[in-house]
Structure formats: C-alpha cells, structure tokens
C-alpha cells in the first residue's frame, strides 16, 4: 500500500501554513483544508493507527520544517502544530500513546517520520516545555531516559561501553551519568575513543542546522545574536549551539595557538573567560576558542586569561592580547 507523502504536497502545505500564520485561513477548517489538498492522492483514504493519512502527512511536514527548538523557524511552525493537535483527537492520542519512546527515538535518530532533531539537553528541555503547549500530555526527562535504556540494543551498547552512544547520552542526559558511565570517564575520553571520522552527535546536528541557516540567508554573527538572545530554562546556564557557532567564527582554530603559541592538539573547545559558576555570561564575548591542551593549562593556572576591552593572555613565557568576539 502506497504511503501518502507530504513531499508531494509540500507547496500547498507551505501556502496553508502561511495562511494560518497570517490569519487568512480559519483554524476550524484546518482538517478539511488538508483533506482538500490531498484529495487527488491515491493514499488519501488510508488511516494509520487511527489517523487519517493526510493529517499525519501534514504533521510530518510541520515536524520536518520546524526541525527542532534550536531552529529559529521553530517559532513559526510550533503554533501550527498546536492547532493541528487541537483539531485532531486521533493525532493527539497517537503522540500521547507512547511519547517517551517517540522522543527517545528522536534522540537516537532512529528512523521514523514523526521526528524533531534533538542535539543536546538544552534542546530536549526546550522541546519538553513545548510538549504540553502542543496540547499533549507532559513527559519528563526521566521517563525518556528510561524509555531509551529499556531498548535492548541500547542496554547492550551501554553494558559494552560503546563510546559513541555514551557520548550521545552524556550530551542529552547529563543528570544521569552514574547510570551509564564508568566512574572517572570524561567527555574528552569518549571523544578520543570514537573514530576521528565520527564527530559527536550534537556536532553533526549543529553543522546541519548551521549550514541550513546560512542557506536561508542568515550570517554567522546574526545566528550568534539569535542564540545569545534565546531565553534559557531556569536550570540552564550554557547554550552549546552558541559555543559551536563561536568555534565556527574562528574556523575551529584555537585562538591562543593562532596568536603565536601553537600546539598540535586537534580537540577544540570553548573556555568561558569569566566562569559561569562565578557569574560569567554565556555570551560570545565571554568565550575563548581553545584547544584541549591550552584549555587544561588555563584550568591548571599555567595560563591566565582576563577580559576588559581586550582579552589578555598571560603565561610564564608570553603575554599577548586578543580581540573579544563581537
């Protein structure tokens, strides 16, 4: 039996979203309008788990376009998703049936048509804040973590300490490291254990999102400003997508190495000049892109970094100034 693909109706769905966003189209007519768009599709009369195929295809389209909470376009599509759930009781029942497992599949990037992209814990928390706003039953991180770990393939990979999976879990579930990591294991250990050709899952998500935003006409400084203005949940102090963007601003090159103290450490990270725990801001201006060797030297006190109008870097053998990020 042929599946009703939203891609066949993408242009008409796009027009419908624009009408809903501008208030031209009546919310009450949404389901009938979707049916009209798909009326000539051979699969229009199918139902999948009790949901009419056209309605499911439109939801798939909305999930695809919204992509995930880090995407600025999420704010455009999320209200339309809410309208669709309000209009379709079967759709709401379908997502409520096993929400934790469904979101777990999003985290693991398992195949499936109803999917948001989830890069890390912040994006998961943002999605979970939206979940009841969609009109769906609330679900929490613990439920999702348990649903992920109950999958037989995942429990096996945890028991065998698969570094790529452990890195993924540590990015999305930083509250439960004792339940999947051996004591003393660090993020750097996991990255080093993964293949050099396999970047961290969040990195792959950030790279796709970054290039999509560039293709849509944003420049990197504009994307950085968007992330700096993002309102984080109360328990969050760090936006890892923002850190990724600052690394791209400097071509993923250590700023200390580039200023005359080169080393050969390929692992590039971001150091907050005024630490977050000391009241430092999670902004591009308070960030310094460094290799792991220089980062360890900073935390060991071998290199001091201070910021005012410029960033001052001091070591026993050198002193130089770096322009802060815009």
Protein backbone atom coordinates (compact mmCIF):
# COMPACT_ATOMS: atom_id res chain seq x y z
CA UNK A 1 0.00 0.00 0.00
CA UNK A 2 1.44 3.39 -1.02
CA UNK A 3 2.23 5.86 1.75
CA UNK A 4 0.87 9.38 1.45
CA UNK A 5 4.00 11.50 1.28
CA UNK A 6 3.93 15.11 2.42
CA UNK A 7 6.62 15.90 -0.15
CA UNK A 8 4.05 15.51 -2.95
CA UNK A 9 2.00 18.30 -1.36
CA UNK A 10 4.81 20.44 0.06
CA UNK A 11 3.99 23.56 -1.94
CA UNK A 12 0.30 23.50 -0.97
CA UNK A 13 1.14 22.78 2.68
CA UNK A 14 3.52 25.74 2.64
CA UNK A 15 0.75 28.03 1.35
CA UNK A 16 -1.59 26.72 4.06
CA UNK A 17 0.96 27.44 6.80
CA UNK A 18 1.43 30.99 5.50
CA UNK A 19 -2.35 31.49 5.54
CA UNK A 20 -2.60 30.19 9.09
CA UNK A 21 0.32 32.35 10.21
CA UNK A 22 -1.21 35.48 8.69
CA UNK A 23 -4.70 34.68 9.96
CA UNK A 24 -6.25 34.31 6.49
CA UNK A 25 -7.23 30.68 6.95
CA UNK A 26 -9.73 29.68 9.66
CA UNK A 27 -8.27 27.31 12.25
CA UNK A 28 -11.61 25.47 12.35
CA UNK A 29 -11.26 24.49 8.68
CA UNK A 30 -7.74 23.14 9.03
CA UNK A 31 -8.50 19.41 8.75
CA UNK A 32 -10.90 19.83 5.82
CA UNK A 33 -8.36 22.08 4.08
CA UNK A 34 -5.67 19.41 4.48
CA UNK A 35 -8.10 16.83 3.04
CA UNK A 36 -8.75 19.12 0.07
CA UNK A 37 -5.03 19.47 -0.63
CA UNK A 38 -4.64 15.67 -0.71
CA UNK A 39 -7.91 14.86 -2.50
CA UNK A 40 -6.22 13.57 -5.66
CA UNK A 41 -3.68 11.41 -3.79
CA UNK A 42 -4.34 7.67 -4.16
CA UNK A 43 -3.47 7.14 -0.49
CA UNK A 44 -5.84 9.85 0.80
CA UNK A 45 -8.30 7.36 2.36
CA UNK A 46 -5.71 5.41 4.33
CA UNK A 47 -5.65 5.51 8.11
CA UNK A 48 -2.53 4.80 10.14
CA UNK A 49 -3.12 3.86 13.78
CA UNK A 50 -6.49 5.54 13.53
CA UNK A 51 -5.18 8.77 11.99
CA UNK A 52 -6.22 9.92 8.51
CA UNK A 53 -3.18 9.82 6.22
CA UNK A 54 -3.49 13.47 5.05
CA UNK A 55 -3.49 14.71 8.65
CA UNK A 56 -0.48 12.57 9.51
CA UNK A 57 1.34 13.75 6.38
CA UNK A 58 0.72 17.40 7.33
CA UNK A 59 2.09 16.76 10.83
CA UNK A 60 5.18 15.10 9.31
CA UNK A 61 5.63 18.18 7.13
CA UNK A 62 5.37 20.51 10.13
CA UNK A 63 7.85 18.45 12.18
CA UNK A 64 10.28 18.47 9.26
CA UNK A 65 10.04 22.24 8.73
CA UNK A 66 10.22 23.11 12.43
CA UNK A 67 13.23 20.76 12.70
CA UNK A 68 13.86 21.36 16.41
CA UNK A 69 13.84 24.14 19.03
CA UNK A 70 17.26 25.49 18.01
CA UNK A 71 15.92 26.38 14.57
CA UNK A 72 14.59 29.99 14.52
CA UNK A 73 11.78 28.73 12.26
CA UNK A 74 10.51 26.52 15.12
CA UNK A 75 8.64 29.54 16.47
CA UNK A 76 6.74 29.81 13.18
CA UNK A 77 5.69 26.16 12.93
CA UNK A 78 5.10 25.30 16.61
CA UNK A 79 1.78 27.22 16.87
CA UNK A 80 0.52 25.46 13.70
CA UNK A 81 1.45 22.11 15.24
CA UNK A 82 -0.61 23.08 18.29
CA UNK A 83 -3.60 23.99 16.10
CA UNK A 84 -3.37 20.63 14.33
CA UNK A 85 -3.33 18.67 17.59
CA UNK A 86 -6.29 20.69 18.87
CA UNK A 87 -8.20 19.83 15.70
CA UNK A 88 -7.35 16.11 15.56
CA UNK A 89 -8.10 13.93 18.58
CA UNK A 90 -6.60 10.82 16.88
CA UNK A 91 -3.30 12.64 16.30
CA UNK A 92 -3.17 13.70 19.95
CA UNK A 93 -3.93 10.15 21.07
CA UNK A 94 -1.22 8.78 18.80
CA UNK A 95 1.50 11.01 20.27
CA UNK A 96 0.26 10.55 23.84
CA UNK A 97 0.24 6.77 23.48
CA UNK A 98 3.99 6.44 23.85
CA UNK A 99 5.51 9.91 23.95
CA UNK A 100 8.62 8.91 25.91
CA UNK A 101 9.52 6.22 23.41
CA UNK A 102 8.81 8.53 20.46
CA UNK A 103 11.08 11.28 21.84
CA UNK A 104 13.68 8.64 22.67
CA UNK A 105 13.72 7.66 19.01
CA UNK A 106 14.28 11.31 18.11
CA UNK A 107 17.28 11.42 20.44
CA UNK A 108 18.72 8.24 18.99
CA UNK A 109 18.00 9.43 15.44
CA UNK A 110 16.15 6.20 14.71
CA UNK A 111 14.14 6.05 11.53
CA UNK A 112 10.64 7.40 11.71
CA UNK A 113 8.53 10.06 10.08
CA UNK A 114 7.35 11.99 13.16
CA UNK A 115 10.64 13.42 14.33
CA UNK A 116 12.25 16.56 15.67
CA UNK A 117 16.03 16.90 15.82
CA UNK A 118 17.42 16.92 19.38
CA UNK A 119 21.07 17.90 19.75
CA UNK A 120 21.61 18.05 23.49
CA UNK A 121 19.97 18.51 26.87
CA UNK A 122 19.01 22.12 26.24
CA UNK A 123 17.15 21.28 23.04
CA UNK A 124 15.42 18.39 24.82
CA UNK A 125 14.32 20.66 27.67
CA UNK A 126 13.03 23.26 25.20
CA UNK A 127 11.03 20.58 23.39
CA UNK A 128 9.58 19.24 26.65
CA UNK A 129 8.46 22.76 27.55
CA UNK A 130 6.59 22.91 24.23
CA UNK A 131 5.08 19.42 24.55
CA UNK A 132 2.08 20.42 26.75
CA UNK A 133 1.78 23.67 24.79
CA UNK A 134 1.10 21.46 21.75
CA UNK A 135 -1.86 20.10 23.73
CA UNK A 136 -0.07 16.84 24.54
CA UNK A 137 0.36 15.15 27.91
CA UNK A 138 3.55 16.32 29.68
CA UNK A 139 6.53 13.98 29.67
CA UNK A 140 9.79 14.37 31.59
CA UNK A 141 13.48 13.61 31.06
CA UNK A 142 13.46 10.65 33.44
CA UNK A 143 10.68 8.92 31.53
CA UNK A 144 12.50 9.46 28.25
CA UNK A 145 15.84 8.28 29.66
CA UNK A 146 14.21 5.09 30.99
CA UNK A 147 12.48 4.50 27.63
CA UNK A 148 15.83 4.82 25.83
CA UNK A 149 17.65 2.48 28.22
CA UNK A 150 14.92 -0.17 28.00
CA UNK A 151 15.66 -0.70 24.32
CA UNK A 152 17.56 -3.99 24.10
CA UNK A 153 20.15 -2.71 21.64
CA UNK A 154 20.81 0.35 23.80
CA UNK A 155 21.16 -1.60 27.06
CA UNK A 156 23.66 -3.89 25.32
CA UNK A 157 25.67 -0.95 23.99
CA UNK A 158 25.71 0.63 27.46
CA UNK A 159 26.92 -2.61 29.03
CA UNK A 160 29.70 -2.82 26.42
CA UNK A 161 30.52 0.89 26.99
CA UNK A 162 30.09 1.93 23.35
CA UNK A 163 31.80 5.37 23.44
CA UNK A 164 29.69 6.92 20.67
CA UNK A 165 26.44 6.01 22.42
CA UNK A 166 27.80 7.11 25.81
CA UNK A 167 28.80 10.45 24.31
CA UNK A 168 25.28 10.85 22.94
CA UNK A 169 23.69 10.02 26.29
CA UNK A 170 26.05 12.38 28.14
CA UNK A 171 25.07 15.23 25.80
CA UNK A 172 21.33 14.69 26.17
CA UNK A 173 21.07 13.28 29.73
CA UNK A 174 23.80 14.96 31.83
CA UNK A 175 21.78 14.36 35.02
CA UNK A 176 22.23 10.57 34.96
CA UNK A 177 25.93 9.86 34.22
CA UNK A 178 26.25 7.32 37.05
CA UNK A 179 23.68 5.13 35.27
CA UNK A 180 25.68 4.67 32.07
CA UNK A 181 29.27 5.93 32.54
CA UNK A 182 32.08 4.22 34.40
CA UNK A 183 33.47 6.41 37.23
CA UNK A 184 36.03 8.94 36.06
CA UNK A 185 35.08 8.79 32.37
CA UNK A 186 35.17 12.26 30.79
CA UNK A 187 33.72 13.73 27.61
CA UNK A 188 37.27 14.05 26.27
CA UNK A 189 37.83 10.31 26.91
CA UNK A 190 34.68 9.47 24.92
CA UNK A 191 35.58 11.76 22.03
CA UNK A 192 39.08 10.25 21.88
CA UNK A 193 37.61 6.73 21.86
CA UNK A 194 35.26 7.47 18.96
CA UNK A 195 36.54 7.34 15.41
CA UNK A 196 38.07 10.59 14.18
CA UNK A 197 35.66 10.39 11.25
CA UNK A 198 32.66 10.23 13.62
CA UNK A 199 32.11 13.64 15.25
CA UNK A 200 29.87 13.89 18.34
CA UNK A 201 26.14 13.61 17.50
CA UNK A 202 25.46 17.17 18.64
CA UNK A 203 28.21 18.41 16.32
CA UNK A 204 26.57 16.74 13.34
CA UNK A 205 23.21 18.29 14.27
CA UNK A 206 24.78 21.73 14.78
CA UNK A 207 26.61 21.52 11.46
CA UNK A 208 23.42 20.68 9.53
CA UNK A 209 21.48 23.44 11.27
CA UNK A 210 24.27 25.98 10.80
CA UNK A 211 24.55 25.35 7.06
CA UNK A 212 20.77 25.36 6.65
CA UNK A 213 20.60 28.77 8.32
CA UNK A 214 23.39 30.05 6.08
CA UNK A 215 21.46 28.79 3.05
CA UNK A 216 18.40 30.69 4.30
CA UNK A 217 20.37 33.95 4.28
CA UNK A 218 21.49 34.27 7.90
CA UNK A 219 25.15 35.16 8.52
CA UNK A 220 27.08 33.72 11.42
CA UNK A 221 27.05 36.90 13.53
CA UNK A 222 23.27 37.11 13.14
CA UNK A 223 22.88 33.47 14.20
CA UNK A 224 25.12 34.15 17.22
CA UNK A 225 22.92 37.10 18.21
CA UNK A 226 19.80 34.92 17.93
CA UNK A 227 21.33 32.33 20.27
CA UNK A 228 22.57 34.96 22.72
CA UNK A 229 19.01 36.33 22.94
CA UNK A 230 17.47 32.89 23.46
CA UNK A 231 15.72 32.68 26.84
CA UNK A 232 17.09 29.57 28.53
CA UNK A 233 15.15 27.47 31.03
CA UNK A 234 15.96 28.41 34.63
CA UNK A 235 18.17 25.38 35.26
CA UNK A 236 20.25 26.03 32.14
CA UNK A 237 23.31 28.26 32.01
CA UNK A 238 25.06 27.01 28.89
CA UNK A 239 23.97 27.04 25.23
CA UNK A 240 26.19 24.52 23.43
CA UNK A 241 24.95 25.58 20.00
CA UNK A 242 26.24 29.08 20.78
CA UNK A 243 29.64 27.59 21.67
CA UNK A 244 29.62 25.70 18.37
CA UNK A 245 28.89 28.92 16.48
CA UNK A 246 31.77 30.76 18.16
CA UNK A 247 34.07 27.91 17.13
CA UNK A 248 32.86 28.32 13.54
CA UNK A 249 33.51 32.06 13.76
CA UNK A 250 37.18 31.20 14.34
CA UNK A 251 37.32 28.34 11.87
CA UNK A 252 37.57 25.81 14.72
CA UNK A 253 41.07 27.09 15.42
CA UNK A 254 42.48 27.71 18.90
CA UNK A 255 42.82 31.46 19.39
CA UNK A 256 45.89 31.01 21.59
CA UNK A 257 47.58 28.80 19.00
CA UNK A 258 46.72 31.31 16.28
CA UNK A 259 48.25 34.13 18.34
CA UNK A 260 51.68 32.57 18.45
CA UNK A 261 51.66 29.62 20.86
CA UNK A 262 50.82 26.69 18.55
CA UNK A 263 50.40 23.12 19.79
CA UNK A 264 49.20 20.02 17.94
CA UNK A 265 46.03 19.19 19.88
CA UNK A 266 43.12 18.67 17.44
CA UNK A 267 40.38 18.80 20.10
CA UNK A 268 38.89 22.30 20.06
CA UNK A 269 36.60 23.56 22.80
CA UNK A 270 35.31 26.83 24.26
CA UNK A 271 36.51 28.39 27.51
CA UNK A 272 34.34 30.89 29.41
CA UNK A 273 36.78 33.63 30.42
CA UNK A 274 34.70 34.57 33.46
CA UNK A 275 33.44 31.14 34.59
CA UNK A 276 29.69 30.62 34.58
CA UNK A 277 29.85 29.46 38.22
CA UNK A 278 31.35 32.86 39.10
CA UNK A 279 28.61 34.81 37.35
CA UNK A 280 30.13 34.89 33.90
CA UNK A 281 27.71 35.27 30.99
CA UNK A 282 27.13 32.63 28.35
CA UNK A 283 27.85 35.10 25.54
CA UNK A 284 30.25 35.12 22.61
CA UNK A 285 32.22 37.98 24.20
CA UNK A 286 32.93 35.85 27.26
CA UNK A 287 34.17 32.90 25.16
CA UNK A 288 37.64 31.98 24.00
CA UNK A 289 38.13 29.17 21.46
CA UNK A 290 40.99 26.96 22.68
CA UNK A 291 42.49 23.57 22.03
CA UNK A 292 42.29 21.00 24.80
CA UNK A 293 45.98 21.46 25.72
CA UNK A 294 45.60 25.19 26.29
CA UNK A 295 42.24 24.66 28.00
CA UNK A 296 43.85 22.32 30.52
CA UNK A 297 46.68 24.80 31.02
CA UNK A 298 44.17 27.56 31.80
CA UNK A 299 42.41 25.42 34.42
CA UNK A 300 45.77 24.36 35.87
CA UNK A 301 46.71 28.04 36.34
CA UNK A 302 49.61 27.84 33.88
CA UNK A 303 47.85 30.34 31.60
CA UNK A 304 45.79 33.26 32.85
CA UNK A 305 43.06 34.87 30.77
CA UNK A 306 41.50 38.22 31.62
CA UNK A 307 38.97 40.31 29.68
CA UNK A 308 38.23 44.03 29.59
CA UNK A 309 38.35 45.92 26.30
CA UNK A 310 40.60 43.13 25.03
CA UNK A 311 41.36 39.56 26.09
CA UNK A 312 44.74 39.38 27.85
CA UNK A 313 46.51 36.01 27.79
CA UNK A 314 49.47 35.53 30.14
CA UNK A 315 51.82 32.62 30.69
CA UNK A 316 55.29 32.35 32.19
CA UNK A 317 56.88 32.90 28.79
CA UNK A 318 54.42 35.06 26.89
CA UNK A 319 51.81 37.80 27.02
CA UNK A 320 49.54 38.87 24.19
CA UNK A 321 46.14 40.47 23.50
CA UNK A 322 43.19 39.03 21.55
CA UNK A 323 40.17 40.95 20.29
CA UNK A 324 36.97 39.76 22.03
CA UNK A 325 34.22 38.18 19.99
CA UNK A 326 31.61 40.62 18.70
